[in-house]
Amino acid sequence: MSSDHWRRAGAALAVAALLAYPLAASSPYYLDIGVTVLLAAISASAWNILGGFAGQVSVGHGMFFGVGAYLPLLVYTLWGWPPMAGIPLGMLLAVGLAALIGAPTLRLTGHYFSMATIAVAELIRILVGTWGLVGAAIGLQGPATARGWWDLTFRDETPYYYIFLGVLAGVLALTHALQGRRLGYYMRAVKAGEAAARSLGVASRRTKLAALALSASLTALAGSLYVLKTGFVDPDSGFGILVSVQMVIVAALGGAGTLYGPLVGALILIPAQSWANSWLGGGGSGLTFVLYGGIIVLVARFEPGGLFELRRRMLRWRPERSRAA
């Protein structure tokens, strides 16, 4: 069999495993891990459009996640609407926020842009934590019991799993289509060298702004899915720095700038994090910082391209070793 056939067979097995996972999960705990993996993969794939393909490393993407998380519960609290009615509003607001902050921050490059996004995200978190309309530090609560299917409030997590899986498939399909379009080529050119891309006629600022807007809207969608599942959000769970850092780590671990890198990173990081917290009896929340910091050091030191780049290097190394032998 050729490498393409092996690739397709592997992809088919992965899809089958993802579809069958709820049937094989032995307890609600493992089903919850599966749902969390899918949510982490969605948010990291959304971040990957800006940070992986366009090369603009945002460490403040939690601001878009939080916007998407707050809007569904805000429309329910203020007007009694189904929370899912707030999903498109959250995505639109995230695009507007991206346009507002993108104009000044995208003039910056490298770590200056990263620091600017952290600053903006923290300012928004502090503002939300003191704003009574959105619950201030207490946060917002969704419907305790479902008034109908439109509230998407389920006792079992299996429906959430398949909803998240469908959204992840849509995000990956969109990203795959983007890779073959003009915007995708422009983003990769900007990542390779912004000055060189401009010399070739690429509108670099417009390209980065488009990547930021698309990434922000999909990140807001991930935030909305999170709050539909949990039914609650507060400033830390919506806009906290760990929300942003997790997106970066998941994408970087699997391979930023690759299609399936965020999914691979989520399949590794989320179970490891859940196992560590469970092993320490619920007292391992602080271990998350240690885990994330250790992954950053290892990836930056040994394989900045993530596990996908490591796999490519190993596949190239085997033929070279055979020829040398």
C-alpha atoms as a PDB file:
ATOM      1  CA  MET A   1       0.000   0.000   0.000  1.00  0.00           C
ATOM      2  CA  SER A   2       1.172   3.526  -0.792  1.00  0.00           C
ATOM      3  CA  SER A   3       1.607   6.230   1.817  1.00  0.00           C
ATOM      4  CA  ASP A   4      -1.648   7.867   0.658  1.00  0.00           C
ATOM      5  CA  HIS A   5      -3.551   4.646   1.268  1.00  0.00           C
ATOM      6  CA  TRP A   6      -2.040   4.297   4.736  1.00  0.00           C
ATOM      7  CA  ARG A   7      -2.944   7.922   5.450  1.00  0.00           C
ATOM      8  CA  ARG A   8      -6.547   7.422   4.384  1.00  0.00           C
ATOM      9  CA  ALA A   9      -6.824   4.194   6.349  1.00  0.00           C
ATOM     10  CA  GLY A  10      -5.465   5.932   9.443  1.00  0.00           C
ATOM     11  CA  ALA A  11      -7.898   8.827   9.011  1.00  0.00           C
ATOM     12  CA  ALA A  12     -10.823   6.390   8.640  1.00  0.00           C
ATOM     13  CA  LEU A  13      -9.792   4.537  11.802  1.00  0.00           C
ATOM     14  CA  ALA A  14      -9.494   7.820  13.705  1.00  0.00           C
ATOM     15  CA  VAL A  15     -12.968   8.919  12.603  1.00  0.00           C
ATOM     16  CA  ALA A  16     -14.422   5.536  13.564  1.00  0.00           C
ATOM     17  CA  ALA A  17     -12.743   5.700  16.983  1.00  0.00           C
ATOM     18  CA  LEU A  18     -14.085   9.200  17.626  1.00  0.00           C
ATOM     19  CA  LEU A  19     -17.611   8.182  16.622  1.00  0.00           C
ATOM     20  CA  ALA A  20     -17.550   5.045  18.772  1.00  0.00           C
ATOM     21  CA  TYR A  21     -15.906   6.588  21.835  1.00  0.00           C
ATOM     22  CA  PRO A  22     -19.154   7.309  23.788  1.00  0.00           C
ATOM     23  CA  LEU A  23     -20.169   3.684  23.331  1.00  0.00           C
ATOM     24  CA  ALA A  24     -16.849   2.491  24.707  1.00  0.00           C
ATOM     25  CA  ALA A  25     -16.600   4.993  27.579  1.00  0.00           C
ATOM     26  CA  SER A  26     -16.999   2.976  30.777  1.00  0.00           C
ATOM     27  CA  SER A  27     -18.160   5.873  32.976  1.00  0.00           C
ATOM     28  CA  PRO A  28     -19.386   9.480  32.805  1.00  0.00           C
ATOM     29  CA  TYR A  29     -15.892  10.564  33.883  1.00  0.00           C
ATOM     30  CA  TYR A  30     -14.291   9.235  30.696  1.00  0.00           C
ATOM     31  CA  LEU A  31     -17.128  10.618  28.589  1.00  0.00           C
ATOM     32  CA  ASP A  32     -16.507  14.044  30.139  1.00  0.00           C
ATOM     33  CA  ILE A  33     -12.827  13.765  29.205  1.00  0.00           C
ATOM     34  CA  GLY A  34     -13.843  13.036  25.609  1.00  0.00           C
ATOM     35  CA  VAL A  35     -16.108  16.097  25.500  1.00  0.00           C
ATOM     36  CA  THR A  36     -13.340  18.261  26.972  1.00  0.00           C
ATOM     37  CA  VAL A  37     -10.852  16.944  24.409  1.00  0.00           C
ATOM     38  CA  LEU A  38     -13.166  17.938  21.556  1.00  0.00           C
ATOM     39  CA  LEU A  39     -13.764  21.394  23.026  1.00  0.00           C
ATOM     40  CA  ALA A  40     -10.020  21.943  23.474  1.00  0.00           C
ATOM     41  CA  ALA A  41      -9.421  20.807  19.887  1.00  0.00           C
ATOM     42  CA  ILE A  42     -12.058  23.250  18.577  1.00  0.00           C
ATOM     43  CA  SER A  43     -10.617  26.246  20.426  1.00  0.00           C
ATOM     44  CA  ALA A  44      -7.025  25.317  19.542  1.00  0.00           C
ATOM     45  CA  SER A  45      -7.982  24.844  15.865  1.00  0.00           C
ATOM     46  CA  ALA A  46      -9.565  28.306  15.930  1.00  0.00           C
ATOM     47  CA  TRP A  47      -6.387  29.777  17.442  1.00  0.00           C
ATOM     48  CA  ASN A  48      -4.310  27.841  14.906  1.00  0.00           C
ATOM     49  CA  ILE A  49      -5.704  29.917  12.028  1.00  0.00           C
ATOM     50  CA  LEU A  50      -4.057  33.049  13.412  1.00  0.00           C
ATOM     51  CA  GLY A  51      -1.149  31.650  15.414  1.00  0.00           C
ATOM     52  CA  GLY A  52      -0.280  28.598  13.324  1.00  0.00           C
ATOM     53  CA  PHE A  53      -0.973  29.561   9.711  1.00  0.00           C
ATOM     54  CA  ALA A  54      -0.535  33.349   9.898  1.00  0.00           C
ATOM     55  CA  GLY A  55       2.252  33.228  12.489  1.00  0.00           C
ATOM     56  CA  GLN A  56       0.698  35.831  14.840  1.00  0.00           C
ATOM     57  CA  VAL A  57       1.012  34.265  18.303  1.00  0.00           C
ATOM     58  CA  SER A  58      -1.882  35.592  20.383  1.00  0.00           C
ATOM     59  CA  VAL A  59      -1.810  34.781  24.095  1.00  0.00           C
ATOM     60  CA  GLY A  60      -5.034  36.670  24.738  1.00  0.00           C
ATOM     61  CA  HIS A  61      -7.521  34.626  22.734  1.00  0.00           C
ATOM     62  CA  GLY A  62      -9.466  34.035  25.926  1.00  0.00           C
ATOM     63  CA  MET A  63     -11.135  37.406  25.294  1.00  0.00           C
ATOM     64  CA  PHE A  64     -12.945  35.940  22.278  1.00  0.00           C
ATOM     65  CA  PHE A  65     -13.694  32.699  24.109  1.00  0.00           C
ATOM     66  CA  GLY A  66     -15.216  34.714  26.957  1.00  0.00           C
ATOM     67  CA  VAL A  67     -17.345  36.817  24.621  1.00  0.00           C
ATOM     68  CA  GLY A  68     -18.751  33.657  23.085  1.00  0.00           C
ATOM     69  CA  ALA A  69     -19.359  32.185  26.547  1.00  0.00           C
ATOM     70  CA  TYR A  70     -21.135  35.212  27.998  1.00  0.00           C
ATOM     71  CA  LEU A  71     -23.526  36.092  25.170  1.00  0.00           C
ATOM     72  CA  PRO A  72     -25.695  32.914  25.291  1.00  0.00           C
ATOM     73  CA  LEU A  73     -26.268  33.292  29.033  1.00  0.00           C
ATOM     74  CA  LEU A  74     -26.680  37.057  28.773  1.00  0.00           C
ATOM     75  CA  VAL A  75     -29.574  36.808  26.282  1.00  0.00           C
ATOM     76  CA  TYR A  76     -31.156  34.183  28.553  1.00  0.00           C
ATOM     77  CA  THR A  77     -30.746  36.329  31.682  1.00  0.00           C
ATOM     78  CA  LEU A  78     -31.981  39.570  30.105  1.00  0.00           C
ATOM     79  CA  TRP A  79     -34.771  38.358  27.806  1.00  0.00           C
ATOM     80  CA  GLY A  80     -35.293  34.666  28.536  1.00  0.00           C
ATOM     81  CA  TRP A  81     -34.162  33.650  25.048  1.00  0.00           C
ATOM     82  CA  PRO A  82     -32.716  30.185  24.440  1.00  0.00           C
ATOM     83  CA  PRO A  83     -28.972  30.370  25.088  1.00  0.00           C
ATOM     84  CA  MET A  84     -28.218  29.070  21.601  1.00  0.00           C
ATOM     85  CA  ALA A  85     -29.708  32.343  20.241  1.00  0.00           C
ATOM     86  CA  GLY A  86     -26.682  34.115  21.671  1.00  0.00           C
ATOM     87  CA  ILE A  87     -24.170  32.032  19.711  1.00  0.00           C
ATOM     88  CA  PRO A  88     -24.273  34.090  16.465  1.00  0.00           C
ATOM     89  CA  LEU A  89     -24.367  37.304  18.522  1.00  0.00           C
ATOM     90  CA  GLY A  90     -21.224  36.209  20.356  1.00  0.00           C
ATOM     91  CA  MET A  91     -19.460  35.383  17.098  1.00  0.00           C
ATOM     92  CA  LEU A  92     -20.411  38.767  15.608  1.00  0.00           C
ATOM     93  CA  LEU A  93     -19.274  40.609  18.727  1.00  0.00           C
ATOM     94  CA  ALA A  94     -15.984  38.689  18.671  1.00  0.00           C
ATOM     95  CA  VAL A  95     -15.404  39.762  15.045  1.00  0.00           C
ATOM     96  CA  GLY A  96     -16.118  43.383  16.031  1.00  0.00           C
ATOM     97  CA  LEU A  97     -13.716  43.117  18.964  1.00  0.00           C
ATOM     98  CA  ALA A  98     -11.078  41.606  16.665  1.00  0.00           C
ATOM     99  CA  ALA A  99     -11.449  44.527  14.253  1.00  0.00           C
ATOM    100  CA  LEU A 100     -11.237  47.023  17.130  1.00  0.00           C
ATOM    101  CA  ILE A 101      -8.108  45.634  18.742  1.00  0.00           C
ATOM    102  CA  GLY A 102      -6.540  44.311  15.536  1.00  0.00           C
ATOM    103  CA  ALA A 103      -5.988  47.744  13.997  1.00  0.00           C
ATOM    104  CA  PRO A 104      -3.451  48.853  16.642  1.00  0.00           C
ATOM    105  CA  THR A 105      -2.038  45.513  17.838  1.00  0.00           C
ATOM    106  CA  LEU A 106      -1.351  43.961  14.426  1.00  0.00           C
ATOM    107  CA  ARG A 107       1.127  46.757  13.769  1.00  0.00           C
ATOM    108  CA  LEU A 108       3.296  44.988  16.345  1.00  0.00           C
ATOM    109  CA  THR A 109       5.331  41.877  15.620  1.00  0.00           C
ATOM    110  CA  GLY A 110       6.728  38.954  17.562  1.00  0.00           C
ATOM    111  CA  HIS A 111       6.502  38.992  21.340  1.00  0.00           C
ATOM    112  CA  TYR A 112       5.263  42.593  21.328  1.00  0.00           C
ATOM    113  CA  PHE A 113       2.033  41.442  19.682  1.00  0.00           C
ATOM    114  CA  SER A 114       1.738  38.575  22.172  1.00  0.00           C
ATOM    115  CA  MET A 115       2.164  40.920  25.135  1.00  0.00           C
ATOM    116  CA  ALA A 116      -0.405  43.341  23.690  1.00  0.00           C
ATOM    117  CA  THR A 117      -3.007  40.580  23.412  1.00  0.00           C
ATOM    118  CA  ILE A 118      -2.363  39.511  27.015  1.00  0.00           C
ATOM    119  CA  ALA A 119      -2.841  43.105  28.192  1.00  0.00           C
ATOM    120  CA  VAL A 120      -6.108  43.575  26.288  1.00  0.00           C
ATOM    121  CA  ALA A 121      -7.488  40.232  27.503  1.00  0.00           C
ATOM    122  CA  GLU A 122      -6.673  41.056  31.130  1.00  0.00           C
ATOM    123  CA  LEU A 123      -8.289  44.487  30.842  1.00  0.00           C
ATOM    124  CA  ILE A 124     -11.466  42.898  29.493  1.00  0.00           C
ATOM    125  CA  ARG A 125     -11.444  40.289  32.274  1.00  0.00           C
ATOM    126  CA  ILE A 126     -11.164  43.005  34.940  1.00  0.00           C
ATOM    127  CA  LEU A 127     -13.917  45.052  33.289  1.00  0.00           C
ATOM    128  CA  VAL A 128     -16.292  42.072  33.134  1.00  0.00           C
ATOM    129  CA  GLY A 129     -15.499  41.219  36.761  1.00  0.00           C
ATOM    130  CA  THR A 130     -16.782  44.622  37.885  1.00  0.00           C
ATOM    131  CA  TRP A 131     -19.749  45.008  35.495  1.00  0.00           C
ATOM    132  CA  GLY A 132     -23.052  44.307  37.187  1.00  0.00           C
ATOM    133  CA  LEU A 133     -24.971  43.739  33.934  1.00  0.00           C
ATOM    134  CA  VAL A 134     -22.986  40.576  33.247  1.00  0.00           C
ATOM    135  CA  GLY A 135     -22.963  39.350  36.838  1.00  0.00           C
ATOM    136  CA  ALA A 136     -19.645  40.947  37.848  1.00  0.00           C
ATOM    137  CA  ALA A 137     -17.427  38.499  39.756  1.00  0.00           C
ATOM    138  CA  ILE A 138     -20.321  36.054  40.339  1.00  0.00           C
ATOM    139  CA  GLY A 139     -20.936  35.388  36.650  1.00  0.00           C
ATOM    140  CA  LEU A 140     -24.054  34.190  34.845  1.00  0.00           C
ATOM    141  CA  GLN A 141     -26.168  31.057  35.199  1.00  0.00           C
ATOM    142  CA  GLY A 142     -28.146  29.286  32.482  1.00  0.00           C
ATOM    143  CA  PRO A 143     -31.470  27.433  32.726  1.00  0.00           C
ATOM    144  CA  ALA A 144     -31.397  24.806  35.469  1.00  0.00           C
ATOM    145  CA  THR A 145     -33.721  22.486  33.553  1.00  0.00           C
ATOM    146  CA  ALA A 146     -34.439  22.343  29.849  1.00  0.00           C
ATOM    147  CA  ARG A 147     -37.581  24.206  28.746  1.00  0.00           C
ATOM    148  CA  GLY A 148     -37.276  22.452  25.390  1.00  0.00           C
ATOM    149  CA  TRP A 149     -34.698  20.968  23.038  1.00  0.00           C
ATOM    150  CA  TRP A 150     -33.652  24.498  22.033  1.00  0.00           C
ATOM    151  CA  ASP A 151     -32.032  25.053  25.445  1.00  0.00           C
ATOM    152  CA  LEU A 152     -29.576  22.206  24.673  1.00  0.00           C
ATOM    153  CA  THR A 153     -29.566  21.186  28.340  1.00  0.00           C
ATOM    154  CA  PHE A 154     -28.990  17.443  28.609  1.00  0.00           C
ATOM    155  CA  ARG A 155     -28.517  15.187  31.636  1.00  0.00           C
ATOM    156  CA  ASP A 156     -26.213  12.891  29.688  1.00  0.00           C
ATOM    157  CA  GLU A 157     -23.078  14.225  28.013  1.00  0.00           C
ATOM    158  CA  THR A 158     -23.397  12.032  24.921  1.00  0.00           C
ATOM    159  CA  PRO A 159     -25.374  14.660  22.942  1.00  0.00           C
ATOM    160  CA  TYR A 160     -22.727  17.261  23.777  1.00  0.00           C
ATOM    161  CA  TYR A 161     -20.040  14.876  22.539  1.00  0.00           C
ATOM    162  CA  TYR A 162     -21.612  14.460  19.114  1.00  0.00           C
ATOM    163  CA  ILE A 163     -22.465  18.176  18.832  1.00  0.00           C
ATOM    164  CA  PHE A 164     -18.854  19.075  19.607  1.00  0.00           C
ATOM    165  CA  LEU A 165     -17.585  16.401  17.227  1.00  0.00           C
ATOM    166  CA  GLY A 166     -19.729  17.831  14.425  1.00  0.00           C
ATOM    167  CA  VAL A 167     -18.484  21.365  15.117  1.00  0.00           C
ATOM    168  CA  LEU A 168     -14.871  20.147  15.173  1.00  0.00           C
ATOM    169  CA  ALA A 169     -15.381  18.434  11.807  1.00  0.00           C
ATOM    170  CA  GLY A 170     -16.772  21.696  10.424  1.00  0.00           C
ATOM    171  CA  VAL A 171     -13.851  23.750  11.759  1.00  0.00           C
ATOM    172  CA  LEU A 172     -11.312  21.298  10.323  1.00  0.00           C
ATOM    173  CA  ALA A 173     -13.129  21.260   6.966  1.00  0.00           C
ATOM    174  CA  LEU A 174     -13.114  25.071   6.905  1.00  0.00           C
ATOM    175  CA  THR A 175      -9.417  25.155   7.765  1.00  0.00           C
ATOM    176  CA  HIS A 176      -8.640  22.580   5.081  1.00  0.00           C
ATOM    177  CA  ALA A 177     -10.533  24.619   2.491  1.00  0.00           C
ATOM    178  CA  LEU A 178      -8.754  27.772   3.647  1.00  0.00           C
ATOM    179  CA  GLN A 179      -5.349  26.195   3.025  1.00  0.00           C
ATOM    180  CA  GLY A 180      -6.059  25.983  -0.702  1.00  0.00           C
ATOM    181  CA  ARG A 181      -7.508  29.497  -1.052  1.00  0.00           C
ATOM    182  CA  ARG A 182      -5.768  32.786  -1.666  1.00  0.00           C
ATOM    183  CA  LEU A 183      -6.132  33.854   1.976  1.00  0.00           C
ATOM    184  CA  GLY A 184      -4.427  30.659   3.111  1.00  0.00           C
ATOM    185  CA  TYR A 185      -1.477  31.237   0.790  1.00  0.00           C
ATOM    186  CA  TYR A 186      -1.252  34.851   1.934  1.00  0.00           C
ATOM    187  CA  MET A 187      -1.257  33.827   5.606  1.00  0.00           C
ATOM    188  CA  ARG A 188       1.572  31.350   5.069  1.00  0.00           C
ATOM    189  CA  ALA A 189       3.515  33.986   3.149  1.00  0.00           C
ATOM    190  CA  VAL A 190       3.108  36.477   6.012  1.00  0.00           C
ATOM    191  CA  LYS A 191       4.262  33.837   8.471  1.00  0.00           C
ATOM    192  CA  ALA A 192       7.343  33.010   6.373  1.00  0.00           C
ATOM    193  CA  GLY A 193       8.367  36.669   6.087  1.00  0.00           C
ATOM    194  CA  GLU A 194       6.122  39.702   6.254  1.00  0.00           C
ATOM    195  CA  ALA A 195       8.524  42.030   4.448  1.00  0.00           C
ATOM    196  CA  ALA A 196       9.038  39.517   1.653  1.00  0.00           C
ATOM    197  CA  ALA A 197       5.286  38.957   1.388  1.00  0.00           C
ATOM    198  CA  ARG A 198       4.671  42.702   1.044  1.00  0.00           C
ATOM    199  CA  SER A 199       7.303  42.924  -1.672  1.00  0.00           C
ATOM    200  CA  LEU A 200       5.332  40.289  -3.607  1.00  0.00           C
ATOM    201  CA  GLY A 201       2.119  42.308  -3.361  1.00  0.00           C
ATOM    202  CA  VAL A 202       0.514  40.642  -0.324  1.00  0.00           C
ATOM    203  CA  ALA A 203      -1.561  43.056   1.763  1.00  0.00           C
ATOM    204  CA  SER A 204      -0.081  41.835   5.031  1.00  0.00           C
ATOM    205  CA  ARG A 205      -2.166  43.908   7.445  1.00  0.00           C
ATOM    206  CA  ARG A 206      -5.409  43.030   5.694  1.00  0.00           C
ATOM    207  CA  THR A 207      -4.418  39.364   5.673  1.00  0.00           C
ATOM    208  CA  LYS A 208      -3.594  39.369   9.382  1.00  0.00           C
ATOM    209  CA  LEU A 209      -6.831  41.177  10.201  1.00  0.00           C
ATOM    210  CA  ALA A 210      -8.865  38.650   8.195  1.00  0.00           C
ATOM    211  CA  ALA A 211      -7.101  35.778   9.966  1.00  0.00           C
ATOM    212  CA  LEU A 212      -7.753  37.417  13.352  1.00  0.00           C
ATOM    213  CA  ALA A 213     -11.455  37.953  12.582  1.00  0.00           C
ATOM    214  CA  LEU A 214     -11.975  34.358  11.408  1.00  0.00           C
ATOM    215  CA  SER A 215     -10.028  32.969  14.346  1.00  0.00           C
ATOM    216  CA  ALA A 216     -11.961  35.164  16.807  1.00  0.00           C
ATOM    217  CA  SER A 217     -15.363  34.067  15.490  1.00  0.00           C
ATOM    218  CA  LEU A 218     -14.505  30.363  15.769  1.00  0.00           C
ATOM    219  CA  THR A 219     -12.990  30.869  19.233  1.00  0.00           C
ATOM    220  CA  ALA A 220     -16.233  32.565  20.313  1.00  0.00           C
ATOM    221  CA  LEU A 221     -18.111  29.536  18.979  1.00  0.00           C
ATOM    222  CA  ALA A 222     -15.949  27.318  21.208  1.00  0.00           C
ATOM    223  CA  GLY A 223     -16.794  29.550  24.182  1.00  0.00           C
ATOM    224  CA  SER A 224     -20.507  29.226  23.432  1.00  0.00           C
ATOM    225  CA  LEU A 225     -20.237  25.434  23.285  1.00  0.00           C
ATOM    226  CA  TYR A 226     -18.429  25.455  26.619  1.00  0.00           C
ATOM    227  CA  VAL A 227     -21.179  27.428  28.336  1.00  0.00           C
ATOM    228  CA  LEU A 228     -23.967  25.343  26.774  1.00  0.00           C
ATOM    229  CA  LYS A 229     -22.384  22.313  28.419  1.00  0.00           C
ATOM    230  CA  THR A 230     -21.564  23.824  31.817  1.00  0.00           C
ATOM    231  CA  GLY A 231     -24.492  26.253  32.115  1.00  0.00           C
ATOM    232  CA  PHE A 232     -22.334  28.733  34.008  1.00  0.00           C
ATOM    233  CA  VAL A 233     -19.561  31.220  33.326  1.00  0.00           C
ATOM    234  CA  ASP A 234     -17.584  33.720  35.393  1.00  0.00           C
ATOM    235  CA  PRO A 235     -14.664  36.035  34.495  1.00  0.00           C
ATOM    236  CA  ASP A 236     -11.982  33.435  35.232  1.00  0.00           C
ATOM    237  CA  SER A 237     -13.587  30.518  33.376  1.00  0.00           C
ATOM    238  CA  GLY A 238     -14.419  32.754  30.406  1.00  0.00           C
ATOM    239  CA  PHE A 239     -11.567  35.259  30.187  1.00  0.00           C
ATOM    240  CA  GLY A 240      -8.874  33.711  32.409  1.00  0.00           C
ATOM    241  CA  ILE A 241      -5.272  33.546  31.222  1.00  0.00           C
ATOM    242  CA  LEU A 242      -5.301  29.736  31.412  1.00  0.00           C
ATOM    243  CA  VAL A 243      -8.022  29.670  28.752  1.00  0.00           C
ATOM    244  CA  SER A 244      -5.689  31.450  26.340  1.00  0.00           C
ATOM    245  CA  VAL A 245      -2.588  29.510  27.324  1.00  0.00           C
ATOM    246  CA  GLN A 246      -4.334  26.168  26.862  1.00  0.00           C
ATOM    247  CA  MET A 247      -5.154  27.008  23.225  1.00  0.00           C
ATOM    248  CA  VAL A 248      -1.511  27.856  22.528  1.00  0.00           C
ATOM    249  CA  ILE A 249      -0.146  24.767  24.277  1.00  0.00           C
ATOM    250  CA  VAL A 250      -2.583  22.340  22.647  1.00  0.00           C
ATOM    251  CA  ALA A 251      -1.834  23.674  19.154  1.00  0.00           C
ATOM    252  CA  ALA A 252       1.928  23.861  19.734  1.00  0.00           C
ATOM    253  CA  LEU A 253       2.129  20.364  21.209  1.00  0.00           C
ATOM    254  CA  GLY A 254       0.438  18.726  18.238  1.00  0.00           C
ATOM    255  CA  GLY A 255       1.902  21.055  15.630  1.00  0.00           C
ATOM    256  CA  ALA A 256       0.917  24.673  15.065  1.00  0.00           C
ATOM    257  CA  GLY A 257       0.266  25.376  11.403  1.00  0.00           C
ATOM    258  CA  THR A 258      -0.898  21.820  10.679  1.00  0.00           C
ATOM    259  CA  LEU A 259      -4.484  20.742  10.151  1.00  0.00           C
ATOM    260  CA  TYR A 260      -4.693  17.979  12.740  1.00  0.00           C
ATOM    261  CA  GLY A 261      -2.049  19.245  15.162  1.00  0.00           C
ATOM    262  CA  PRO A 262      -4.575  20.805  17.592  1.00  0.00           C
ATOM    263  CA  LEU A 263      -6.578  17.574  17.745  1.00  0.00           C
ATOM    264  CA  VAL A 264      -3.454  15.518  18.462  1.00  0.00           C
ATOM    265  CA  GLY A 265      -2.372  17.996  21.134  1.00  0.00           C
ATOM    266  CA  ALA A 266      -5.795  17.862  22.795  1.00  0.00           C
ATOM    267  CA  LEU A 267      -5.797  14.037  22.756  1.00  0.00           C
ATOM    268  CA  ILE A 268      -2.543  14.103  24.729  1.00  0.00           C
ATOM    269  CA  LEU A 269      -2.801  17.141  26.990  1.00  0.00           C
ATOM    270  CA  ILE A 270      -6.394  16.967  28.259  1.00  0.00           C
ATOM    271  CA  PRO A 271      -6.289  13.334  29.499  1.00  0.00           C
ATOM    272  CA  ALA A 272      -2.884  13.987  31.105  1.00  0.00           C
ATOM    273  CA  GLN A 273      -4.239  17.068  32.863  1.00  0.00           C
ATOM    274  CA  SER A 274      -7.398  15.265  34.010  1.00  0.00           C
ATOM    275  CA  TRP A 275      -5.371  12.303  35.248  1.00  0.00           C
ATOM    276  CA  ALA A 276      -3.030  14.557  37.219  1.00  0.00           C
ATOM    277  CA  ASN A 277      -5.908  16.418  38.877  1.00  0.00           C
ATOM    278  CA  SER A 278      -7.697  13.151  39.681  1.00  0.00           C
ATOM    279  CA  TRP A 279      -4.539  11.479  40.979  1.00  0.00           C
ATOM    280  CA  LEU A 280      -3.969  14.348  43.407  1.00  0.00           C
ATOM    281  CA  GLY A 281      -7.532  14.124  44.697  1.00  0.00           C
ATOM    282  CA  GLY A 282      -8.770  17.392  43.218  1.00  0.00           C
ATOM    283  CA  GLY A 283      -5.862  19.351  44.643  1.00  0.00           C
ATOM    284  CA  GLY A 284      -3.854  19.357  41.449  1.00  0.00           C
ATOM    285  CA  SER A 285      -5.313  22.504  39.889  1.00  0.00           C
ATOM    286  CA  GLY A 286      -2.042  24.311  40.520  1.00  0.00           C
ATOM    287  CA  LEU A 287      -0.249  21.503  38.712  1.00  0.00           C
ATOM    288  CA  THR A 288      -1.786  22.799  35.493  1.00  0.00           C
ATOM    289  CA  PHE A 289       0.652  25.712  35.506  1.00  0.00           C
ATOM    290  CA  VAL A 290       3.575  23.320  36.011  1.00  0.00           C
ATOM    291  CA  LEU A 291       2.321  21.030  33.231  1.00  0.00           C
ATOM    292  CA  TYR A 292       1.861  23.879  30.771  1.00  0.00           C
ATOM    293  CA  GLY A 293       5.230  25.406  31.655  1.00  0.00           C
ATOM    294  CA  GLY A 294       7.004  22.083  31.223  1.00  0.00           C
ATOM    295  CA  ILE A 295       5.396  21.510  27.818  1.00  0.00           C
ATOM    296  CA  ILE A 296       6.408  25.007  26.677  1.00  0.00           C
ATOM    297  CA  VAL A 297      10.021  24.340  27.658  1.00  0.00           C
ATOM    298  CA  LEU A 298      10.142  20.896  26.014  1.00  0.00           C
ATOM    299  CA  VAL A 299       8.494  22.006  22.774  1.00  0.00           C
ATOM    300  CA  ALA A 300      10.590  25.171  22.488  1.00  0.00           C
ATOM    301  CA  ARG A 301      13.825  23.322  23.267  1.00  0.00           C
ATOM    302  CA  PHE A 302      13.488  20.088  21.327  1.00  0.00           C
ATOM    303  CA  GLU A 303      10.743  20.359  18.692  1.00  0.00           C
ATOM    304  CA  PRO A 304       9.193  23.805  18.025  1.00  0.00           C
ATOM    305  CA  GLY A 305       7.170  22.277  15.191  1.00  0.00           C
ATOM    306  CA  GLY A 306       5.320  19.927  17.550  1.00  0.00           C
ATOM    307  CA  LEU A 307       4.639  16.218  17.208  1.00  0.00           C
ATOM    308  CA  PHE A 308       3.702  16.437  13.523  1.00  0.00           C
ATOM    309  CA  GLU A 309       7.085  17.958  12.668  1.00  0.00           C
ATOM    310  CA  LEU A 310       8.792  15.292  14.792  1.00  0.00           C
ATOM    311  CA  ARG A 311       6.936  12.606  12.831  1.00  0.00           C
ATOM    312  CA  ARG A 312       7.997  14.158   9.504  1.00  0.00           C
ATOM    313  CA  ARG A 313      11.619  14.284  10.608  1.00  0.00           C
ATOM    314  CA  MET A 314      11.522  10.640  11.663  1.00  0.00           C
ATOM    315  CA  LEU A 315      10.010   9.600   8.313  1.00  0.00           C
ATOM    316  CA  ARG A 316      12.775  11.488   6.479  1.00  0.00           C
ATOM    317  CA  TRP A 317      15.416  10.007   8.767  1.00  0.00           C
ATOM    318  CA  ARG A 318      14.513   6.393   7.971  1.00  0.00           C
ATOM    319  CA  PRO A 319      15.239   6.541   4.204  1.00  0.00           C
ATOM    320  CA  GLU A 320      18.434   8.502   4.856  1.00  0.00           C
ATOM    321  CA  ARG A 321      19.566   5.851   7.329  1.00  0.00           C
ATOM    322  CA  SER A 322      18.714   3.066   4.860  1.00  0.00           C
ATOM    323  CA  ARG A 323      20.720   4.740   2.107  1.00  0.00           C
ATOM    324  CA  ALA A 324      23.662   5.250   4.436  1.00  0.00           C
ATOM    325  CA  ALA A 325      23.538   1.581   5.426  1.00  0.00           C
END
